[in-house]
């Protein structure tokens, strides 16, 4: 199962599934329990993620000629990692680059190679609060992506307030996602609740839902 797919919860395990509270209609409950992404779109996303990782790694490998190859991690964050993506939503991924590279230079080279590989709509990634990771937003193989670049920098303490090193913020976003998922007692129920919150927020035009 892909990490961005929701784990479906049997209705009998949800106390209010058959008799939802007054603020939730039966239609809303049914929508929350339905599969968030059709199988065909899931396969398209999986293939696009795989090829995007390959393209990024190809750029890095060219710069590592004569050095030991370093295959950078390709991590999913946000709704994709939490398993609450809906149809047509943007996929957020983080490429963890080797420390010997400057991320500002990599972004330029990634952009050039992605254009050659048919990516469209490429623009700088919009900062998301304090997590202003360097990166790109683009459409690749029919999938909308936010590609963030990050690095593992040893010895950096956990951030406090606004003191976040931009070159590590993409990786921090992933680690926060993992911490949250490991902390909740019931991940399927957490995902169901998160989908409800996102639905509520989007109906009210709240940014970042």
C-alpha atoms as a PDB file:
ATOM      1  CA  UNK A   1       0.000   0.000   0.000  1.00  0.00           C
ATOM      2  CA  UNK A   2       1.242   3.488  -0.877  1.00  0.00           C
ATOM      3  CA  UNK A   3       2.036   5.778   2.021  1.00  0.00           C
ATOM      4  CA  UNK A   4      -0.369   8.442   0.739  1.00  0.00           C
ATOM      5  CA  UNK A   5      -3.381   6.129   0.578  1.00  0.00           C
ATOM      6  CA  UNK A   6      -5.812   6.196   3.458  1.00  0.00           C
ATOM      7  CA  UNK A   7      -6.323   3.018   5.459  1.00  0.00           C
ATOM      8  CA  UNK A   8     -10.037   2.396   5.245  1.00  0.00           C
ATOM      9  CA  UNK A   9     -11.770   1.957   8.606  1.00  0.00           C
ATOM     10  CA  UNK A  10     -14.626  -0.572   8.914  1.00  0.00           C
ATOM     11  CA  UNK A  11     -17.827   1.269   9.786  1.00  0.00           C
ATOM     12  CA  UNK A  12     -18.411  -0.869  12.858  1.00  0.00           C
ATOM     13  CA  UNK A  13     -15.192   0.504  14.358  1.00  0.00           C
ATOM     14  CA  UNK A  14     -16.494   4.086  14.151  1.00  0.00           C
ATOM     15  CA  UNK A  15     -19.110   4.671  16.880  1.00  0.00           C
ATOM     16  CA  UNK A  16     -20.986   7.371  14.957  1.00  0.00           C
ATOM     17  CA  UNK A  17     -20.678   5.864  11.469  1.00  0.00           C
ATOM     18  CA  UNK A  18     -24.275   4.629  11.278  1.00  0.00           C
ATOM     19  CA  UNK A  19     -25.755   7.412  13.439  1.00  0.00           C
ATOM     20  CA  UNK A  20     -23.626  10.496  12.807  1.00  0.00           C
ATOM     21  CA  UNK A  21     -23.959  13.513  15.120  1.00  0.00           C
ATOM     22  CA  UNK A  22     -26.149  16.381  14.006  1.00  0.00           C
ATOM     23  CA  UNK A  23     -23.264  18.389  12.574  1.00  0.00           C
ATOM     24  CA  UNK A  24     -22.331  15.557  10.185  1.00  0.00           C
ATOM     25  CA  UNK A  25     -24.734  14.413   7.517  1.00  0.00           C
ATOM     26  CA  UNK A  26     -24.791  10.829   6.290  1.00  0.00           C
ATOM     27  CA  UNK A  27     -23.482  12.098   2.945  1.00  0.00           C
ATOM     28  CA  UNK A  28     -20.451  13.682   4.627  1.00  0.00           C
ATOM     29  CA  UNK A  29     -19.697  10.495   6.551  1.00  0.00           C
ATOM     30  CA  UNK A  30     -19.958   8.489   3.332  1.00  0.00           C
ATOM     31  CA  UNK A  31     -17.593  10.912   1.594  1.00  0.00           C
ATOM     32  CA  UNK A  32     -15.065  10.667   4.403  1.00  0.00           C
ATOM     33  CA  UNK A  33     -15.105   6.868   4.261  1.00  0.00           C
ATOM     34  CA  UNK A  34     -14.769   6.684   0.488  1.00  0.00           C
ATOM     35  CA  UNK A  35     -11.422   6.023  -1.179  1.00  0.00           C
ATOM     36  CA  UNK A  36      -9.636   9.410  -1.491  1.00  0.00           C
ATOM     37  CA  UNK A  37      -7.795   8.687  -4.727  1.00  0.00           C
ATOM     38  CA  UNK A  38      -8.897   6.324  -7.526  1.00  0.00           C
ATOM     39  CA  UNK A  39      -6.587   3.405  -8.280  1.00  0.00           C
ATOM     40  CA  UNK A  40      -5.674   4.774 -11.715  1.00  0.00           C
ATOM     41  CA  UNK A  41      -4.577   8.113 -10.229  1.00  0.00           C
ATOM     42  CA  UNK A  42      -2.670   6.322  -7.466  1.00  0.00           C
ATOM     43  CA  UNK A  43      -0.682   4.369 -10.052  1.00  0.00           C
ATOM     44  CA  UNK A  44      -0.025   7.571 -12.005  1.00  0.00           C
ATOM     45  CA  UNK A  45       1.265   9.281  -8.851  1.00  0.00           C
ATOM     46  CA  UNK A  46       3.476   6.331  -7.934  1.00  0.00           C
ATOM     47  CA  UNK A  47       5.082   6.291 -11.388  1.00  0.00           C
ATOM     48  CA  UNK A  48       5.531  10.071 -11.462  1.00  0.00           C
ATOM     49  CA  UNK A  49       7.181  10.021  -8.013  1.00  0.00           C
ATOM     50  CA  UNK A  50       9.516   7.234  -9.114  1.00  0.00           C
ATOM     51  CA  UNK A  51      10.573   9.043 -12.293  1.00  0.00           C
ATOM     52  CA  UNK A  52      10.937  12.397 -10.516  1.00  0.00           C
ATOM     53  CA  UNK A  53      13.275  10.778  -7.995  1.00  0.00           C
ATOM     54  CA  UNK A  54      15.250   9.235 -10.851  1.00  0.00           C
ATOM     55  CA  UNK A  55      15.566  12.617 -12.591  1.00  0.00           C
ATOM     56  CA  UNK A  56      16.763  14.350  -9.418  1.00  0.00           C
ATOM     57  CA  UNK A  57      19.244  11.607  -8.665  1.00  0.00           C
ATOM     58  CA  UNK A  58      20.526  11.729 -12.245  1.00  0.00           C
ATOM     59  CA  UNK A  59      21.444  15.397 -11.808  1.00  0.00           C
ATOM     60  CA  UNK A  60      23.250  14.643  -8.533  1.00  0.00           C
ATOM     61  CA  UNK A  61      25.071  11.644  -9.995  1.00  0.00           C
ATOM     62  CA  UNK A  62      26.487  13.799 -12.815  1.00  0.00           C
ATOM     63  CA  UNK A  63      27.950  16.117 -10.180  1.00  0.00           C
ATOM     64  CA  UNK A  64      29.429  13.193  -8.254  1.00  0.00           C
ATOM     65  CA  UNK A  65      31.697  11.926 -11.022  1.00  0.00           C
ATOM     66  CA  UNK A  66      34.788  10.483  -9.383  1.00  0.00           C
ATOM     67  CA  UNK A  67      33.079  10.387  -5.992  1.00  0.00           C
ATOM     68  CA  UNK A  68      31.240   7.600  -4.222  1.00  0.00           C
ATOM     69  CA  UNK A  69      27.627   7.663  -5.400  1.00  0.00           C
ATOM     70  CA  UNK A  70      25.171   8.969  -2.832  1.00  0.00           C
ATOM     71  CA  UNK A  71      21.541   8.065  -3.517  1.00  0.00           C
ATOM     72  CA  UNK A  72      19.510  10.816  -1.861  1.00  0.00           C
ATOM     73  CA  UNK A  73      16.335   9.966   0.037  1.00  0.00           C
ATOM     74  CA  UNK A  74      13.007  10.918  -1.555  1.00  0.00           C
ATOM     75  CA  UNK A  75      10.435  11.481   1.191  1.00  0.00           C
ATOM     76  CA  UNK A  76       6.725  12.264   1.120  1.00  0.00           C
ATOM     77  CA  UNK A  77       5.319  14.929   3.418  1.00  0.00           C
ATOM     78  CA  UNK A  78       2.040  16.667   4.147  1.00  0.00           C
ATOM     79  CA  UNK A  79      -1.270  15.167   3.046  1.00  0.00           C
ATOM     80  CA  UNK A  80       0.585  12.624   0.928  1.00  0.00           C
ATOM     81  CA  UNK A  81       2.418  11.220   3.948  1.00  0.00           C
ATOM     82  CA  UNK A  82      -0.567  11.441   6.276  1.00  0.00           C
ATOM     83  CA  UNK A  83      -2.697   9.452   3.842  1.00  0.00           C
ATOM     84  CA  UNK A  84      -5.410  12.072   3.357  1.00  0.00           C
ATOM     85  CA  UNK A  85      -4.858  13.169  -0.234  1.00  0.00           C
ATOM     86  CA  UNK A  86      -7.873  13.823  -2.418  1.00  0.00           C
ATOM     87  CA  UNK A  87      -8.300  13.595  -6.165  1.00  0.00           C
ATOM     88  CA  UNK A  88      -6.038  15.937  -8.111  1.00  0.00           C
ATOM     89  CA  UNK A  89      -4.194  17.256  -5.072  1.00  0.00           C
ATOM     90  CA  UNK A  90      -0.585  18.351  -5.106  1.00  0.00           C
ATOM     91  CA  UNK A  91       2.007  15.795  -3.987  1.00  0.00           C
ATOM     92  CA  UNK A  92       4.649  17.173  -1.609  1.00  0.00           C
ATOM     93  CA  UNK A  93       8.029  15.432  -1.701  1.00  0.00           C
ATOM     94  CA  UNK A  94      11.460  16.154  -0.208  1.00  0.00           C
ATOM     95  CA  UNK A  95      14.744  15.264  -1.885  1.00  0.00           C
ATOM     96  CA  UNK A  96      17.499  14.949   0.735  1.00  0.00           C
ATOM     97  CA  UNK A  97      20.676  16.013  -1.047  1.00  0.00           C
ATOM     98  CA  UNK A  98      24.273  15.181  -0.068  1.00  0.00           C
ATOM     99  CA  UNK A  99      25.964  17.836   2.048  1.00  0.00           C
ATOM    100  CA  UNK A 100      28.650  18.560  -0.531  1.00  0.00           C
ATOM    101  CA  UNK A 101      26.123  20.395  -2.746  1.00  0.00           C
ATOM    102  CA  UNK A 102      24.668  23.881  -2.493  1.00  0.00           C
ATOM    103  CA  UNK A 103      20.884  23.606  -2.654  1.00  0.00           C
ATOM    104  CA  UNK A 104      20.543  26.886  -4.556  1.00  0.00           C
ATOM    105  CA  UNK A 105      22.738  25.459  -7.317  1.00  0.00           C
ATOM    106  CA  UNK A 106      20.892  22.131  -7.325  1.00  0.00           C
ATOM    107  CA  UNK A 107      17.547  23.861  -7.754  1.00  0.00           C
ATOM    108  CA  UNK A 108      18.778  25.572 -10.918  1.00  0.00           C
ATOM    109  CA  UNK A 109      20.082  22.290 -12.349  1.00  0.00           C
ATOM    110  CA  UNK A 110      16.954  20.371 -11.317  1.00  0.00           C
ATOM    111  CA  UNK A 111      14.828  22.976 -13.063  1.00  0.00           C
ATOM    112  CA  UNK A 112      16.826  22.761 -16.288  1.00  0.00           C
ATOM    113  CA  UNK A 113      16.690  18.954 -16.345  1.00  0.00           C
ATOM    114  CA  UNK A 114      12.990  18.837 -15.478  1.00  0.00           C
ATOM    115  CA  UNK A 115      12.242  21.168 -18.399  1.00  0.00           C
ATOM    116  CA  UNK A 116      14.131  18.765 -20.663  1.00  0.00           C
ATOM    117  CA  UNK A 117      12.069  15.902 -19.226  1.00  0.00           C
ATOM    118  CA  UNK A 118       8.780  17.618 -20.052  1.00  0.00           C
ATOM    119  CA  UNK A 119       7.844  19.245 -16.733  1.00  0.00           C
ATOM    120  CA  UNK A 120       5.631  22.339 -17.002  1.00  0.00           C
ATOM    121  CA  UNK A 121       4.516  25.229 -14.809  1.00  0.00           C
ATOM    122  CA  UNK A 122       7.809  25.285 -12.921  1.00  0.00           C
ATOM    123  CA  UNK A 123       8.081  28.029 -10.301  1.00  0.00           C
ATOM    124  CA  UNK A 124       9.795  28.553  -6.921  1.00  0.00           C
ATOM    125  CA  UNK A 125       8.087  26.744  -4.042  1.00  0.00           C
ATOM    126  CA  UNK A 126       5.905  29.066  -1.972  1.00  0.00           C
ATOM    127  CA  UNK A 127       7.059  29.203   1.688  1.00  0.00           C
ATOM    128  CA  UNK A 128       4.712  27.401   4.080  1.00  0.00           C
ATOM    129  CA  UNK A 129       4.895  29.302   7.350  1.00  0.00           C
ATOM    130  CA  UNK A 130       8.232  28.856   9.096  1.00  0.00           C
ATOM    131  CA  UNK A 131       9.040  25.823   6.912  1.00  0.00           C
ATOM    132  CA  UNK A 132      10.418  27.870   4.038  1.00  0.00           C
ATOM    133  CA  UNK A 133      12.312  25.037   2.370  1.00  0.00           C
ATOM    134  CA  UNK A 134      13.989  25.763  -0.983  1.00  0.00           C
ATOM    135  CA  UNK A 135      12.320  23.987  -3.867  1.00  0.00           C
ATOM    136  CA  UNK A 136      10.095  24.032  -6.929  1.00  0.00           C
ATOM    137  CA  UNK A 137       6.433  23.658  -7.796  1.00  0.00           C
ATOM    138  CA  UNK A 138       5.736  21.905 -11.095  1.00  0.00           C
ATOM    139  CA  UNK A 139       3.558  19.552 -13.081  1.00  0.00           C
ATOM    140  CA  UNK A 140       5.291  16.344 -14.119  1.00  0.00           C
ATOM    141  CA  UNK A 141       3.691  13.424 -15.938  1.00  0.00           C
ATOM    142  CA  UNK A 142       0.260  14.853 -15.210  1.00  0.00           C
ATOM    143  CA  UNK A 143       0.847  15.174 -11.437  1.00  0.00           C
ATOM    144  CA  UNK A 144       1.209  18.446  -9.522  1.00  0.00           C
ATOM    145  CA  UNK A 145       4.264  18.420  -7.277  1.00  0.00           C
ATOM    146  CA  UNK A 146       5.959  20.561  -4.695  1.00  0.00           C
ATOM    147  CA  UNK A 147       9.559  19.374  -4.715  1.00  0.00           C
ATOM    148  CA  UNK A 148      11.491  20.553  -1.666  1.00  0.00           C
ATOM    149  CA  UNK A 149      15.238  20.179  -1.215  1.00  0.00           C
ATOM    150  CA  UNK A 150      16.800  19.487   2.151  1.00  0.00           C
ATOM    151  CA  UNK A 151      19.960  18.189   3.813  1.00  0.00           C
ATOM    152  CA  UNK A 152      20.864  16.291   6.956  1.00  0.00           C
ATOM    153  CA  UNK A 153      23.215  18.635   8.800  1.00  0.00           C
ATOM    154  CA  UNK A 154      24.779  17.000  11.890  1.00  0.00           C
ATOM    155  CA  UNK A 155      24.821  18.875  15.174  1.00  0.00           C
ATOM    156  CA  UNK A 156      21.918  21.239  14.538  1.00  0.00           C
ATOM    157  CA  UNK A 157      19.642  21.433  17.622  1.00  0.00           C
ATOM    158  CA  UNK A 158      15.879  21.197  17.367  1.00  0.00           C
ATOM    159  CA  UNK A 159      14.507  24.544  16.179  1.00  0.00           C
ATOM    160  CA  UNK A 160      12.834  26.951  18.570  1.00  0.00           C
ATOM    161  CA  UNK A 161      10.273  29.432  17.292  1.00  0.00           C
ATOM    162  CA  UNK A 162      11.379  30.999  14.039  1.00  0.00           C
ATOM    163  CA  UNK A 163      14.935  29.655  14.241  1.00  0.00           C
ATOM    164  CA  UNK A 164      14.666  27.066  11.472  1.00  0.00           C
ATOM    165  CA  UNK A 165      17.564  26.472   9.091  1.00  0.00           C
ATOM    166  CA  UNK A 166      15.981  26.576   5.641  1.00  0.00           C
ATOM    167  CA  UNK A 167      18.258  23.859   4.275  1.00  0.00           C
ATOM    168  CA  UNK A 168      16.876  21.436   6.866  1.00  0.00           C
ATOM    169  CA  UNK A 169      13.222  22.528   6.988  1.00  0.00           C
ATOM    170  CA  UNK A 170      12.048  20.051   4.358  1.00  0.00           C
ATOM    171  CA  UNK A 171      13.502  17.155   6.337  1.00  0.00           C
ATOM    172  CA  UNK A 172      12.041  18.650   9.517  1.00  0.00           C
ATOM    173  CA  UNK A 173       8.581  18.591   7.915  1.00  0.00           C
ATOM    174  CA  UNK A 174       9.016  14.869   7.255  1.00  0.00           C
ATOM    175  CA  UNK A 175      10.242  14.160  10.774  1.00  0.00           C
ATOM    176  CA  UNK A 176       7.281  16.034  12.261  1.00  0.00           C
ATOM    177  CA  UNK A 177       4.911  13.962  10.127  1.00  0.00           C
ATOM    178  CA  UNK A 178       6.564  10.766  11.332  1.00  0.00           C
ATOM    179  CA  UNK A 179       6.398  11.909  14.966  1.00  0.00           C
ATOM    180  CA  UNK A 180       2.693  12.688  14.698  1.00  0.00           C
ATOM    181  CA  UNK A 181       1.884   9.347  13.046  1.00  0.00           C
ATOM    182  CA  UNK A 182       3.877   7.465  15.691  1.00  0.00           C
ATOM    183  CA  UNK A 183       2.145   9.359  18.522  1.00  0.00           C
ATOM    184  CA  UNK A 184      -1.521   8.825  17.670  1.00  0.00           C
ATOM    185  CA  UNK A 185      -3.104   5.701  19.204  1.00  0.00           C
ATOM    186  CA  UNK A 186      -5.144   4.856  16.110  1.00  0.00           C
ATOM    187  CA  UNK A 187      -3.759   6.001  12.751  1.00  0.00           C
ATOM    188  CA  UNK A 188      -6.851   5.143  10.633  1.00  0.00           C
ATOM    189  CA  UNK A 189      -9.096   7.131  12.999  1.00  0.00           C
ATOM    190  CA  UNK A 190      -6.597   9.998  13.000  1.00  0.00           C
ATOM    191  CA  UNK A 191      -6.652  10.076   9.201  1.00  0.00           C
ATOM    192  CA  UNK A 192     -10.427  10.084   9.165  1.00  0.00           C
ATOM    193  CA  UNK A 193     -10.513  13.028  11.586  1.00  0.00           C
ATOM    194  CA  UNK A 194      -7.854  14.879   9.604  1.00  0.00           C
ATOM    195  CA  UNK A 195      -9.860  14.438   6.403  1.00  0.00           C
ATOM    196  CA  UNK A 196     -12.879  15.918   8.201  1.00  0.00           C
ATOM    197  CA  UNK A 197     -10.860  18.938   9.369  1.00  0.00           C
ATOM    198  CA  UNK A 198      -9.482  19.484   5.865  1.00  0.00           C
ATOM    199  CA  UNK A 199     -12.964  19.266   4.370  1.00  0.00           C
ATOM    200  CA  UNK A 200     -14.255  21.816   6.905  1.00  0.00           C
ATOM    201  CA  UNK A 201     -11.330  24.159   6.199  1.00  0.00           C
ATOM    202  CA  UNK A 202     -11.646  23.988   2.433  1.00  0.00           C
ATOM    203  CA  UNK A 203     -15.350  24.712   2.530  1.00  0.00           C
ATOM    204  CA  UNK A 204     -14.379  27.945   4.311  1.00  0.00           C
ATOM    205  CA  UNK A 205     -11.514  28.825   1.981  1.00  0.00           C
ATOM    206  CA  UNK A 206      -8.817  28.434   4.608  1.00  0.00           C
ATOM    207  CA  UNK A 207      -5.364  28.434   3.000  1.00  0.00           C
ATOM    208  CA  UNK A 208      -3.169  25.382   3.385  1.00  0.00           C
ATOM    209  CA  UNK A 209      -5.973  22.897   4.070  1.00  0.00           C
END
